[in-house]
């Protein structure tokens, strides 16, 4: 039984950086559908990238308060494993999309203070995973990918009954501390593996995955075991 945490590389948009994530051993790859984001991809590009990743990593598509028509188009073109909702989607909206498309739902919630944790409770019965991200800075147009973090101590010992994932301000230098302090083993990165805004860097992707693996006790032994069974 594996003890390593999951690693998600979000905001991929090229074959080169997707391949780097897959070769590094990322468990999930994220494709962004939000026009205001520099990481936004077209349906055609996302379909090609998803086909390249299928069977090698779980495919996550990210949308922000998308309407029914857009969600339908994304799911039809990309055939993702997960729909990540990164806007103001209500628990009812999460339940609706999960039932309509038969897809796993990951709901992202912005955290800046202890009281924000309470906003997660209504979602628990309707989603398959919760992702805790930093609240965007004042005036930001993006709900995520802003490169800011929050107090990871707020998550220590947290058990909501669904899997949790940590995002916000993570990079190869900080992910180990984030896992140690917050206690959440599954991590998500976007801007932390970029050389410029929206531009993924293959070396930073490899470094992040390696650092995330080192951060989780047992990850090294898991890798060794997988190597023996390959």
Protein backbone atom coordinates (compact mmCIF):
# COMPACT_ATOMS: atom_id res chain seq x y z
CA UNK A 1 0.00 0.00 0.00
CA UNK A 2 1.46 3.34 -1.02
CA UNK A 3 2.12 5.99 1.57
CA UNK A 4 3.24 8.75 -0.73
CA UNK A 5 1.14 11.84 -1.24
CA UNK A 6 -0.36 12.93 -4.54
CA UNK A 7 1.33 15.60 -6.63
CA UNK A 8 -0.68 17.74 -9.04
CA UNK A 9 0.90 20.05 -11.62
CA UNK A 10 -1.74 22.56 -12.71
CA UNK A 11 -1.92 25.03 -15.57
CA UNK A 12 -0.04 22.95 -18.14
CA UNK A 13 -0.41 24.09 -21.73
CA UNK A 14 2.40 22.56 -23.82
CA UNK A 15 3.46 19.05 -24.68
CA UNK A 16 7.00 19.70 -23.41
CA UNK A 17 5.90 20.71 -19.92
CA UNK A 18 3.22 18.04 -19.79
CA UNK A 19 5.83 15.41 -20.63
CA UNK A 20 8.12 16.80 -17.92
CA UNK A 21 5.33 16.43 -15.37
CA UNK A 22 4.52 12.90 -16.48
CA UNK A 23 8.14 11.81 -16.59
CA UNK A 24 8.74 13.27 -13.14
CA UNK A 25 5.89 11.14 -11.82
CA UNK A 26 3.11 13.65 -11.24
CA UNK A 27 -0.12 11.92 -10.23
CA UNK A 28 -2.45 14.59 -11.60
CA UNK A 29 -2.17 17.17 -14.37
CA UNK A 30 -4.36 20.24 -14.50
CA UNK A 31 -5.77 22.05 -17.53
CA UNK A 32 -7.23 25.52 -17.01
CA UNK A 33 -10.37 26.86 -18.68
CA UNK A 34 -10.58 30.46 -17.56
CA UNK A 35 -10.07 33.19 -20.14
CA UNK A 36 -8.53 35.67 -17.69
CA UNK A 37 -5.76 33.22 -16.82
CA UNK A 38 -2.43 33.17 -18.68
CA UNK A 39 -2.70 29.39 -18.35
CA UNK A 40 -6.00 29.16 -20.23
CA UNK A 41 -6.11 26.48 -22.92
CA UNK A 42 -8.45 25.89 -25.82
CA UNK A 43 -10.67 22.83 -26.05
CA UNK A 44 -8.58 21.55 -28.93
CA UNK A 45 -5.27 21.94 -27.10
CA UNK A 46 -6.67 20.43 -23.92
CA UNK A 47 -8.01 17.45 -25.84
CA UNK A 48 -4.56 16.77 -27.32
CA UNK A 49 -2.81 17.14 -23.96
CA UNK A 50 -5.35 14.93 -22.22
CA UNK A 51 -4.89 12.19 -24.81
CA UNK A 52 -1.14 12.38 -24.22
CA UNK A 53 -1.58 12.06 -20.44
CA UNK A 54 -4.39 9.50 -20.31
CA UNK A 55 -3.42 6.38 -18.43
CA UNK A 56 -0.28 8.03 -17.06
CA UNK A 57 -1.81 10.62 -14.73
CA UNK A 58 -5.30 11.66 -13.69
CA UNK A 59 -6.65 14.53 -15.78
CA UNK A 60 -8.13 17.50 -13.95
CA UNK A 61 -9.93 20.35 -15.69
CA UNK A 62 -10.28 23.63 -13.83
CA UNK A 63 -13.15 26.03 -14.39
CA UNK A 64 -14.35 29.17 -12.62
CA UNK A 65 -18.12 29.64 -12.30
CA UNK A 66 -18.55 28.05 -15.73
CA UNK A 67 -22.04 27.77 -17.17
CA UNK A 68 -23.62 24.49 -18.24
CA UNK A 69 -22.65 24.89 -21.88
CA UNK A 70 -18.96 25.38 -21.12
CA UNK A 71 -18.81 22.50 -18.66
CA UNK A 72 -20.54 20.24 -21.19
CA UNK A 73 -18.07 21.26 -23.90
CA UNK A 74 -15.06 20.70 -21.62
CA UNK A 75 -16.18 17.30 -20.40
CA UNK A 76 -17.08 16.17 -23.91
CA UNK A 77 -13.80 17.29 -25.49
CA UNK A 78 -11.35 16.39 -22.75
CA UNK A 79 -12.98 13.44 -20.95
CA UNK A 80 -11.33 14.37 -17.64
CA UNK A 81 -11.13 12.32 -14.47
CA UNK A 82 -11.84 15.36 -12.29
CA UNK A 83 -13.66 18.66 -12.54
CA UNK A 84 -12.00 21.27 -10.32
CA UNK A 85 -14.33 24.12 -9.42
CA UNK A 86 -12.35 27.20 -8.49
CA UNK A 87 -15.03 29.87 -8.34
CA UNK A 88 -18.04 30.57 -6.13
CA UNK A 89 -19.80 27.31 -6.94
CA UNK A 90 -22.24 26.30 -4.20
CA UNK A 91 -22.52 22.82 -2.68
CA UNK A 92 -25.70 22.37 -4.73
CA UNK A 93 -23.85 23.28 -7.94
CA UNK A 94 -21.12 20.76 -7.11
CA UNK A 95 -23.72 18.05 -6.53
CA UNK A 96 -25.51 18.97 -9.76
CA UNK A 97 -22.39 18.74 -11.92
CA UNK A 98 -21.25 15.53 -10.25
CA UNK A 99 -24.61 13.86 -10.95
CA UNK A 100 -25.01 15.24 -14.47
CA UNK A 101 -21.57 14.29 -15.75
CA UNK A 102 -20.73 11.32 -13.53
CA UNK A 103 -17.41 12.94 -12.73
CA UNK A 104 -15.39 13.40 -9.57
CA UNK A 105 -15.51 16.92 -8.17
CA UNK A 106 -12.67 18.82 -6.52
CA UNK A 107 -13.79 22.08 -4.90
CA UNK A 108 -11.21 24.76 -4.23
CA UNK A 109 -11.70 27.03 -1.24
CA UNK A 110 -9.72 30.15 -0.37
CA UNK A 111 -8.19 30.22 3.11
CA UNK A 112 -6.73 33.15 5.01
CA UNK A 113 -8.00 32.68 8.58
CA UNK A 114 -9.36 29.96 10.86
CA UNK A 115 -12.98 30.90 10.19
CA UNK A 116 -12.52 30.09 6.50
CA UNK A 117 -12.15 26.40 7.34
CA UNK A 118 -15.81 26.33 8.34
CA UNK A 119 -16.84 27.12 4.77
CA UNK A 120 -15.75 23.61 3.79
CA UNK A 121 -18.34 21.75 5.85
CA UNK A 122 -21.34 22.21 3.50
CA UNK A 123 -19.34 20.79 0.59
CA UNK A 124 -18.22 17.56 2.20
CA UNK A 125 -21.27 15.50 1.21
CA UNK A 126 -21.15 16.68 -2.42
CA UNK A 127 -17.50 16.55 -3.49
CA UNK A 128 -14.75 13.96 -3.78
CA UNK A 129 -11.89 16.21 -2.70
CA UNK A 130 -11.36 19.65 -1.21
CA UNK A 131 -8.44 21.84 -2.24
CA UNK A 132 -7.33 24.56 0.15
CA UNK A 133 -5.75 27.50 -1.65
CA UNK A 134 -4.69 30.93 -0.48
CA UNK A 135 -7.24 33.67 -0.92
CA UNK A 136 -6.17 35.88 -3.84
CA UNK A 137 -4.67 39.27 -3.05
CA UNK A 138 -7.01 42.24 -3.13
CA UNK A 139 -7.66 43.26 -6.72
CA UNK A 140 -6.44 39.97 -8.21
CA UNK A 141 -8.38 38.70 -11.23
CA UNK A 142 -7.37 35.07 -10.72
CA UNK A 143 -8.82 32.85 -7.97
CA UNK A 144 -5.63 30.76 -7.93
CA UNK A 145 -2.12 30.70 -9.38
CA UNK A 146 -1.21 33.93 -7.62
CA UNK A 147 1.85 32.56 -5.86
CA UNK A 148 0.71 33.45 -2.35
CA UNK A 149 0.40 31.13 0.64
CA UNK A 150 -1.52 31.09 3.92
CA UNK A 151 -0.85 29.92 7.45
CA UNK A 152 -0.49 26.16 7.02
CA UNK A 153 -0.91 25.67 10.78
CA UNK A 154 -4.65 26.20 10.24
CA UNK A 155 -4.82 22.76 8.63
CA UNK A 156 -2.97 20.77 11.29
CA UNK A 157 -4.99 17.75 12.38
CA UNK A 158 -7.90 18.66 10.11
CA UNK A 159 -10.15 15.73 9.15
CA UNK A 160 -13.28 16.56 7.19
CA UNK A 161 -14.08 13.07 5.94
CA UNK A 162 -12.93 13.70 2.35
CA UNK A 163 -9.41 13.84 0.88
CA UNK A 164 -7.70 17.22 1.15
CA UNK A 165 -5.14 18.88 -1.11
CA UNK A 166 -2.94 21.89 -0.39
CA UNK A 167 -2.14 24.68 -2.83
CA UNK A 168 -1.05 28.31 -2.76
CA UNK A 169 2.50 29.63 -2.82
CA UNK A 170 4.13 26.21 -3.04
CA UNK A 171 7.40 25.54 -4.83
CA UNK A 172 10.28 23.12 -4.48
CA UNK A 173 11.73 25.13 -1.60
CA UNK A 174 8.53 25.39 0.45
CA UNK A 175 6.54 22.21 -0.20
CA UNK A 176 8.40 20.18 2.43
CA UNK A 177 7.69 22.72 5.14
CA UNK A 178 4.07 23.03 4.02
CA UNK A 179 3.50 19.29 4.31
CA UNK A 180 5.25 19.13 7.67
CA UNK A 181 3.35 22.05 9.19
CA UNK A 182 -0.08 21.52 7.66
CA UNK A 183 -0.09 17.75 7.68
CA UNK A 184 -1.71 17.51 4.23
CA UNK A 185 0.26 15.14 2.04
CA UNK A 186 -1.40 15.87 -1.32
CA UNK A 187 -0.12 19.03 -3.00
CA UNK A 188 -0.91 21.16 -6.03
CA UNK A 189 1.35 23.69 -7.76
CA UNK A 190 0.99 26.11 -10.64
CA UNK A 191 2.90 29.40 -10.45
CA UNK A 192 5.56 27.76 -8.27
CA UNK A 193 6.90 25.87 -11.30
CA UNK A 194 6.94 28.83 -13.68
CA UNK A 195 9.86 30.88 -14.99
CA UNK A 196 7.47 33.68 -15.95
CA UNK A 197 3.78 34.28 -15.44
CA UNK A 198 1.95 31.40 -17.12
CA UNK A 199 5.17 29.87 -18.49
CA UNK A 200 5.92 26.45 -17.00
CA UNK A 201 9.56 25.43 -16.54
CA UNK A 202 10.50 21.79 -17.03
CA UNK A 203 13.33 21.86 -14.48
CA UNK A 204 11.15 23.52 -11.86
CA UNK A 205 8.47 20.88 -12.45
CA UNK A 206 10.97 18.07 -11.91
CA UNK A 207 12.36 19.75 -8.80
CA UNK A 208 8.91 20.23 -7.31
CA UNK A 209 7.83 16.63 -7.79
CA UNK A 210 11.10 15.40 -6.27
CA UNK A 211 10.76 17.76 -3.29
CA UNK A 212 7.15 16.74 -2.74
CA UNK A 213 8.15 13.08 -2.71
CA UNK A 214 10.89 13.76 -0.16
CA UNK A 215 8.39 15.62 2.03
CA UNK A 216 6.23 12.56 2.65
CA UNK A 217 7.59 9.84 4.97
CA UNK A 218 7.73 6.54 3.13
CA UNK A 219 7.84 8.08 -0.35
CA UNK A 220 11.37 6.91 -0.96
CA UNK A 221 10.60 3.33 0.04
CA UNK A 222 7.49 3.40 -2.14
CA UNK A 223 9.57 4.41 -5.12
CA UNK A 224 12.03 1.62 -4.43
CA UNK A 225 9.24 -0.91 -4.17
CA UNK A 226 7.73 0.26 -7.44
CA UNK A 227 11.12 -0.06 -9.08
CA UNK A 228 11.49 -3.66 -7.92
CA UNK A 229 8.05 -4.58 -9.23
CA UNK A 230 8.47 -2.85 -12.59
